[in-house]
């Protein structure tokens, strides 16, 4: 048996979609346990010094950004 995972974008349409899937005899619907993804708190000072030793300036960044063709 093959397994697929679906992500439902609209919670209001989840129940009707699930009922539709249950109508097909070739599909077995199993409820999966949802796990919350813990967000790591970011510390602004962790990125301190990331540009150290690099020859970069705001003017160079702007010039490079605006010179790219779309």
PDB file of N, CA and C in Angstrom:
ATOM      1  N   UNK A   1       0.842  -1.173   0.000  1.00  0.00           N
ATOM      2  CA  UNK A   1       0.000   0.000   0.000  1.00  0.00           C
ATOM      3  C   UNK A   1       0.890   1.239   0.000  1.00  0.00           C
ATOM      4  N   UNK A   2       0.561   2.205  -0.826  1.00  0.00           N
ATOM      5  CA  UNK A   2       1.272   3.479  -0.867  1.00  0.00           C
ATOM      6  C   UNK A   2       0.606   4.464   0.083  1.00  0.00           C
ATOM      7  N   UNK A   3       1.404   5.369   0.613  1.00  0.00           N
ATOM      8  CA  UNK A   3       0.905   6.358   1.558  1.00  0.00           C
ATOM      9  C   UNK A   3       1.258   7.745   1.056  1.00  0.00           C
ATOM     10  N   UNK A   4       0.288   8.655   1.181  1.00  0.00           N
ATOM     11  CA  UNK A   4       0.546  10.059   0.857  1.00  0.00           C
ATOM     12  C   UNK A   4       0.095  10.915   2.029  1.00  0.00           C
ATOM     13  N   UNK A   5       0.653  12.092   2.119  1.00  0.00           N
ATOM     14  CA  UNK A   5       0.274  13.055   3.147  1.00  0.00           C
ATOM     15  C   UNK A   5      -0.241  14.296   2.448  1.00  0.00           C
ATOM     16  N   UNK A   6      -1.377  14.778   2.905  1.00  0.00           N
ATOM     17  CA  UNK A   6      -1.977  15.972   2.320  1.00  0.00           C
ATOM     18  C   UNK A   6      -1.975  17.092   3.348  1.00  0.00           C
ATOM     19  N   UNK A   7      -1.780  18.296   2.886  1.00  0.00           N
ATOM     20  CA  UNK A   7      -1.890  19.476   3.737  1.00  0.00           C
ATOM     21  C   UNK A   7      -3.110  20.261   3.279  1.00  0.00           C
ATOM     22  N   UNK A   8      -4.025  20.489   4.176  1.00  0.00           N
ATOM     23  CA  UNK A   8      -5.253  21.208   3.850  1.00  0.00           C
ATOM     24  C   UNK A   8      -5.067  22.671   4.232  1.00  0.00           C
ATOM     25  N   UNK A   9      -5.227  23.557   3.260  1.00  0.00           N
ATOM     26  CA  UNK A   9      -4.998  24.983   3.483  1.00  0.00           C
ATOM     27  C   UNK A   9      -6.193  25.654   4.157  1.00  0.00           C
ATOM     28  N   UNK A  10      -7.401  25.205   3.816  1.00  0.00           N
ATOM     29  CA  UNK A  10      -8.609  25.842   4.321  1.00  0.00           C
ATOM     30  C   UNK A  10      -9.312  24.879   5.276  1.00  0.00           C
ATOM     31  N   UNK A  11      -9.321  25.198   6.570  1.00  0.00           N
ATOM     32  CA  UNK A  11      -9.903  24.308   7.577  1.00  0.00           C
ATOM     33  C   UNK A  11     -11.398  24.099   7.364  1.00  0.00           C
ATOM     34  N   UNK A  12     -12.087  25.074   6.787  1.00  0.00           N
ATOM     35  CA  UNK A  12     -13.523  24.952   6.552  1.00  0.00           C
ATOM     36  C   UNK A  12     -13.824  23.874   5.511  1.00  0.00           C
ATOM     37  N   UNK A  13     -12.904  23.632   4.609  1.00  0.00           N
ATOM     38  CA  UNK A  13     -13.120  22.651   3.551  1.00  0.00           C
ATOM     39  C   UNK A  13     -12.559  21.276   3.896  1.00  0.00           C
ATOM     40  N   UNK A  14     -11.972  21.143   5.086  1.00  0.00           N
ATOM     41  CA  UNK A  14     -11.358  19.877   5.469  1.00  0.00           C
ATOM     42  C   UNK A  14     -12.384  18.763   5.637  1.00  0.00           C
ATOM     43  N   UNK A  15     -13.434  19.013   6.413  1.00  0.00           N
ATOM     44  CA  UNK A  15     -14.433  17.977   6.689  1.00  0.00           C
ATOM     45  C   UNK A  15     -15.118  17.478   5.412  1.00  0.00           C
ATOM     46  N   UNK A  16     -15.582  18.359   4.528  1.00  0.00           N
ATOM     47  CA  UNK A  16     -16.191  17.849   3.296  1.00  0.00           C
ATOM     48  C   UNK A  16     -15.212  17.066   2.426  1.00  0.00           C
ATOM     49  N   UNK A  17     -13.976  17.492   2.390  1.00  0.00           N
ATOM     50  CA  UNK A  17     -12.965  16.783   1.612  1.00  0.00           C
ATOM     51  C   UNK A  17     -12.717  15.396   2.189  1.00  0.00           C
ATOM     52  N   UNK A  18     -12.666  15.311   3.496  1.00  0.00           N
ATOM     53  CA  UNK A  18     -12.465  14.033   4.167  1.00  0.00           C
ATOM     54  C   UNK A  18     -13.632  13.082   3.893  1.00  0.00           C
ATOM     55  N   UNK A  19     -14.845  13.591   3.922  1.00  0.00           N
ATOM     56  CA  UNK A  19     -16.018  12.763   3.611  1.00  0.00           C
ATOM     57  C   UNK A  19     -15.983  12.279   2.167  1.00  0.00           C
ATOM     58  N   UNK A  20     -15.522  13.114   1.268  1.00  0.00           N
ATOM     59  CA  UNK A  20     -15.406  12.721  -0.135  1.00  0.00           C
ATOM     60  C   UNK A  20     -14.400  11.577  -0.287  1.00  0.00           C
ATOM     61  N   UNK A  21     -13.280  11.678   0.383  1.00  0.00           N
ATOM     62  CA  UNK A  21     -12.268  10.619   0.313  1.00  0.00           C
ATOM     63  C   UNK A  21     -12.803   9.293   0.846  1.00  0.00           C
ATOM     64  N   UNK A  22     -13.607   9.355   1.885  1.00  0.00           N
ATOM     65  CA  UNK A  22     -14.150   8.136   2.485  1.00  0.00           C
ATOM     66  C   UNK A  22     -15.097   7.401   1.548  1.00  0.00           C
ATOM     67  N   UNK A  23     -15.629   8.096   0.551  1.00  0.00           N
ATOM     68  CA  UNK A  23     -16.545   7.463  -0.407  1.00  0.00           C
ATOM     69  C   UNK A  23     -15.833   6.489  -1.349  1.00  0.00           C
ATOM     70  N   UNK A  24     -14.543   6.674  -1.549  1.00  0.00           N
ATOM     71  CA  UNK A  24     -13.784   5.817  -2.443  1.00  0.00           C
ATOM     72  C   UNK A  24     -13.336   4.570  -1.700  1.00  0.00           C
ATOM     73  N   UNK A  25     -13.594   3.401  -2.294  1.00  0.00           N
ATOM     74  CA  UNK A  25     -13.219   2.160  -1.627  1.00  0.00           C
ATOM     75  C   UNK A  25     -11.727   1.851  -1.748  1.00  0.00           C
ATOM     76  N   UNK A  26     -11.020   2.601  -2.561  1.00  0.00           N
ATOM     77  CA  UNK A  26      -9.578   2.369  -2.716  1.00  0.00           C
ATOM     78  C   UNK A  26      -8.745   3.224  -1.754  1.00  0.00           C
ATOM     79  N   UNK A  27      -9.429   4.053  -0.964  1.00  0.00           N
ATOM     80  CA  UNK A  27      -8.733   4.953  -0.046  1.00  0.00           C
ATOM     81  C   UNK A  27      -9.085   4.581   1.386  1.00  0.00           C
ATOM     82  N   UNK A  28      -8.070   4.451   2.203  1.00  0.00           N
ATOM     83  CA  UNK A  28      -8.264   4.229   3.626  1.00  0.00           C
ATOM     84  C   UNK A  28      -7.815   5.489   4.347  1.00  0.00           C
ATOM     85  N   UNK A  29      -8.713   6.104   5.081  1.00  0.00           N
ATOM     86  CA  UNK A  29      -8.412   7.368   5.756  1.00  0.00           C
ATOM     87  C   UNK A  29      -7.993   7.057   7.189  1.00  0.00           C
ATOM     88  N   UNK A  30      -6.821   7.525   7.545  1.00  0.00           N
ATOM     89  CA  UNK A  30      -6.317   7.371   8.904  1.00  0.00           C
ATOM     90  C   UNK A  30      -5.992   8.738   9.455  1.00  0.00           C
ATOM     91  N   UNK A  31      -6.367   8.968  10.667  1.00  0.00           N
ATOM     92  CA  UNK A  31      -6.081  10.249  11.288  1.00  0.00           C
ATOM     93  C   UNK A  31      -4.677  10.211  11.880  1.00  0.00           C
ATOM     94  N   UNK A  32      -3.886  11.191  11.543  1.00  0.00           N
ATOM     95  CA  UNK A  32      -2.509  11.267  12.042  1.00  0.00           C
ATOM     96  C   UNK A  32      -2.454  12.193  13.242  1.00  0.00           C
ATOM     97  N   UNK A  33      -1.508  11.929  14.108  1.00  0.00           N
ATOM     98  CA  UNK A  33      -1.303  12.813  15.243  1.00  0.00           C
ATOM     99  C   UNK A  33      -0.562  14.053  14.772  1.00  0.00           C
ATOM    100  N   UNK A  34      -1.082  15.196  15.151  1.00  0.00           N
ATOM    101  CA  UNK A  34      -0.440  16.457  14.790  1.00  0.00           C
ATOM    102  C   UNK A  34       0.535  16.849  15.880  1.00  0.00           C
ATOM    103  N   UNK A  35       1.689  17.256  15.465  1.00  0.00           N
ATOM    104  CA  UNK A  35       2.678  17.724  16.430  1.00  0.00           C
ATOM    105  C   UNK A  35       2.948  19.196  16.171  1.00  0.00           C
ATOM    106  N   UNK A  36       3.022  19.931  17.239  1.00  0.00           N
ATOM    107  CA  UNK A  36       3.316  21.347  17.107  1.00  0.00           C
ATOM    108  C   UNK A  36       4.813  21.542  16.947  1.00  0.00           C
ATOM    109  N   UNK A  37       5.156  22.430  16.054  1.00  0.00           N
ATOM    110  CA  UNK A  37       6.558  22.770  15.847  1.00  0.00           C
ATOM    111  C   UNK A  37       6.901  23.898  16.802  1.00  0.00           C
ATOM    112  N   UNK A  38       7.871  23.632  17.643  1.00  0.00           N
ATOM    113  CA  UNK A  38       8.271  24.650  18.605  1.00  0.00           C
ATOM    114  C   UNK A  38       9.169  25.669  17.907  1.00  0.00           C
ATOM    115  N   UNK A  39       8.823  26.921  18.090  1.00  0.00           N
ATOM    116  CA  UNK A  39       9.630  27.982  17.511  1.00  0.00           C
ATOM    117  C   UNK A  39      10.749  28.341  18.469  1.00  0.00           C
ATOM    118  N   UNK A  40      11.933  28.397  17.914  1.00  0.00           N
ATOM    119  CA  UNK A  40      13.086  28.770  18.713  1.00  0.00           C
ATOM    120  C   UNK A  40      13.115  30.287  18.841  1.00  0.00           C
ATOM    121  N   UNK A  41      13.309  30.745  20.059  1.00  0.00           N
ATOM    122  CA  UNK A  41      13.433  32.184  20.248  1.00  0.00           C
ATOM    123  C   UNK A  41      14.766  32.633  19.692  1.00  0.00           C
ATOM    124  N   UNK A  42      14.735  33.675  18.905  1.00  0.00           N
ATOM    125  CA  UNK A  42      15.948  34.197  18.274  1.00  0.00           C
ATOM    126  C   UNK A  42      16.507  35.352  19.096  1.00  0.00           C
ATOM    127  N   UNK A  43      17.788  35.362  19.189  1.00  0.00           N
ATOM    128  CA  UNK A  43      18.471  36.450  19.866  1.00  0.00           C
ATOM    129  C   UNK A  43      19.161  37.288  18.798  1.00  0.00           C
ATOM    130  N   UNK A  44      18.834  38.558  18.741  1.00  0.00           N
ATOM    131  CA  UNK A  44      19.380  39.452  17.727  1.00  0.00           C
ATOM    132  C   UNK A  44      20.901  39.507  17.790  1.00  0.00           C
ATOM    133  N   UNK A  45      21.453  39.275  18.951  1.00  0.00           N
ATOM    134  CA  UNK A  45      22.893  39.386  19.111  1.00  0.00           C
ATOM    135  C   UNK A  45      23.644  38.148  18.602  1.00  0.00           C
ATOM    136  N   UNK A  46      22.915  37.075  18.265  1.00  0.00           N
ATOM    137  CA  UNK A  46      23.565  35.897  17.690  1.00  0.00           C
ATOM    138  C   UNK A  46      24.192  36.197  16.330  1.00  0.00           C
ATOM    139  N   UNK A  47      23.636  37.172  15.635  1.00  0.00           N
ATOM    140  CA  UNK A  47      24.157  37.502  14.313  1.00  0.00           C
ATOM    141  C   UNK A  47      25.198  38.619  14.348  1.00  0.00           C
ATOM    142  N   UNK A  48      25.561  39.044  15.526  1.00  0.00           N
ATOM    143  CA  UNK A  48      26.574  40.094  15.649  1.00  0.00           C
ATOM    144  C   UNK A  48      27.897  39.603  15.073  1.00  0.00           C
ATOM    145  N   UNK A  49      28.512  40.413  14.256  1.00  0.00           N
ATOM    146  CA  UNK A  49      29.812  40.078  13.692  1.00  0.00           C
ATOM    147  C   UNK A  49      29.754  39.259  12.421  1.00  0.00           C
ATOM    148  N   UNK A  50      28.568  39.014  11.890  1.00  0.00           N
ATOM    149  CA  UNK A  50      28.481  38.175  10.697  1.00  0.00           C
ATOM    150  C   UNK A  50      29.078  38.850   9.462  1.00  0.00           C
ATOM    151  N   UNK A  51      29.205  40.159   9.482  1.00  0.00           N
ATOM    152  CA  UNK A  51      29.801  40.870   8.345  1.00  0.00           C
ATOM    153  C   UNK A  51      31.258  41.243   8.617  1.00  0.00           C
ATOM    154  N   UNK A  52      31.757  40.815   9.745  1.00  0.00           N
ATOM    155  CA  UNK A  52      33.129  41.167  10.135  1.00  0.00           C
ATOM    156  C   UNK A  52      34.136  40.625   9.124  1.00  0.00           C
ATOM    157  N   UNK A  53      35.051  41.462   8.726  1.00  0.00           N
ATOM    158  CA  UNK A  53      36.097  41.052   7.794  1.00  0.00           C
ATOM    159  C   UNK A  53      35.662  41.051   6.337  1.00  0.00           C
ATOM    160  N   UNK A  54      34.465  41.509   6.049  1.00  0.00           N
ATOM    161  CA  UNK A  54      33.984  41.546   4.664  1.00  0.00           C
ATOM    162  C   UNK A  54      33.954  42.987   4.175  1.00  0.00           C
ATOM    163  N   UNK A  55      34.321  43.157   2.940  1.00  0.00           N
ATOM    164  CA  UNK A  55      34.325  44.487   2.342  1.00  0.00           C
ATOM    165  C   UNK A  55      32.934  44.748   1.759  1.00  0.00           C
ATOM    166  N   UNK A  56      32.021  45.212   2.599  1.00  0.00           N
ATOM    167  CA  UNK A  56      30.634  45.409   2.177  1.00  0.00           C
ATOM    168  C   UNK A  56      30.129  46.719   2.777  1.00  0.00           C
ATOM    169  N   UNK A  57      29.273  47.399   2.034  1.00  0.00           N
ATOM    170  CA  UNK A  57      28.657  48.630   2.540  1.00  0.00           C
ATOM    171  C   UNK A  57      27.232  48.675   2.000  1.00  0.00           C
ATOM    172  N   UNK A  58      26.419  49.512   2.582  1.00  0.00           N
ATOM    173  CA  UNK A  58      25.029  49.641   2.146  1.00  0.00           C
ATOM    174  C   UNK A  58      24.962  50.139   0.705  1.00  0.00           C
ATOM    175  N   UNK A  59      25.918  50.968   0.306  1.00  0.00           N
ATOM    176  CA  UNK A  59      25.940  51.467  -1.071  1.00  0.00           C
ATOM    177  C   UNK A  59      26.192  50.316  -2.053  1.00  0.00           C
ATOM    178  N   UNK A  60      27.120  49.412  -1.708  1.00  0.00           N
ATOM    179  CA  UNK A  60      27.409  48.265  -2.574  1.00  0.00           C
ATOM    180  C   UNK A  60      26.199  47.333  -2.674  1.00  0.00           C
ATOM    181  N   UNK A  61      25.527  47.131  -1.565  1.00  0.00           N
ATOM    182  CA  UNK A  61      24.343  46.265  -1.562  1.00  0.00           C
ATOM    183  C   UNK A  61      23.254  46.855  -2.446  1.00  0.00           C
ATOM    184  N   UNK A  62      23.014  48.152  -2.306  1.00  0.00           N
ATOM    185  CA  UNK A  62      21.983  48.809  -3.125  1.00  0.00           C
ATOM    186  C   UNK A  62      22.348  48.787  -4.603  1.00  0.00           C
ATOM    187  N   UNK A  63      23.606  49.069  -4.911  1.00  0.00           N
ATOM    188  CA  UNK A  63      24.039  49.082  -6.309  1.00  0.00           C
ATOM    189  C   UNK A  63      23.853  47.705  -6.940  1.00  0.00           C
ATOM    190  N   UNK A  64      24.197  46.657  -6.199  1.00  0.00           N
ATOM    191  CA  UNK A  64      24.069  45.295  -6.737  1.00  0.00           C
ATOM    192  C   UNK A  64      22.595  44.913  -6.886  1.00  0.00           C
ATOM    193  N   UNK A  65      21.771  45.302  -5.926  1.00  0.00           N
ATOM    194  CA  UNK A  65      20.351  44.957  -5.972  1.00  0.00           C
ATOM    195  C   UNK A  65      19.649  45.645  -7.138  1.00  0.00           C
ATOM    196  N   UNK A  66      19.946  46.917  -7.381  1.00  0.00           N
ATOM    197  CA  UNK A  66      19.262  47.668  -8.419  1.00  0.00           C
ATOM    198  C   UNK A  66      19.833  47.386  -9.805  1.00  0.00           C
ATOM    199  N   UNK A  67      21.003  46.823  -9.885  1.00  0.00           N
ATOM    200  CA  UNK A  67      21.589  46.573 -11.208  1.00  0.00           C
ATOM    201  C   UNK A  67      21.107  45.274 -11.828  1.00  0.00           C
ATOM    202  N   UNK A  68      20.462  44.420 -11.045  1.00  0.00           N
ATOM    203  CA  UNK A  68      19.980  43.145 -11.582  1.00  0.00           C
ATOM    204  C   UNK A  68      18.766  43.374 -12.466  1.00  0.00           C
ATOM    205  N   UNK A  69      18.753  42.706 -13.609  1.00  0.00           N
ATOM    206  CA  UNK A  69      17.636  42.836 -14.543  1.00  0.00           C
ATOM    207  C   UNK A  69      16.585  41.795 -14.172  1.00  0.00           C
ATOM    208  N   UNK A  70      15.342  42.184 -14.321  1.00  0.00           N
ATOM    209  CA  UNK A  70      14.220  41.271 -14.004  1.00  0.00           C
ATOM    210  C   UNK A  70      13.670  40.660 -15.252  1.00  0.00           C
TER     211      UNK A  70
END
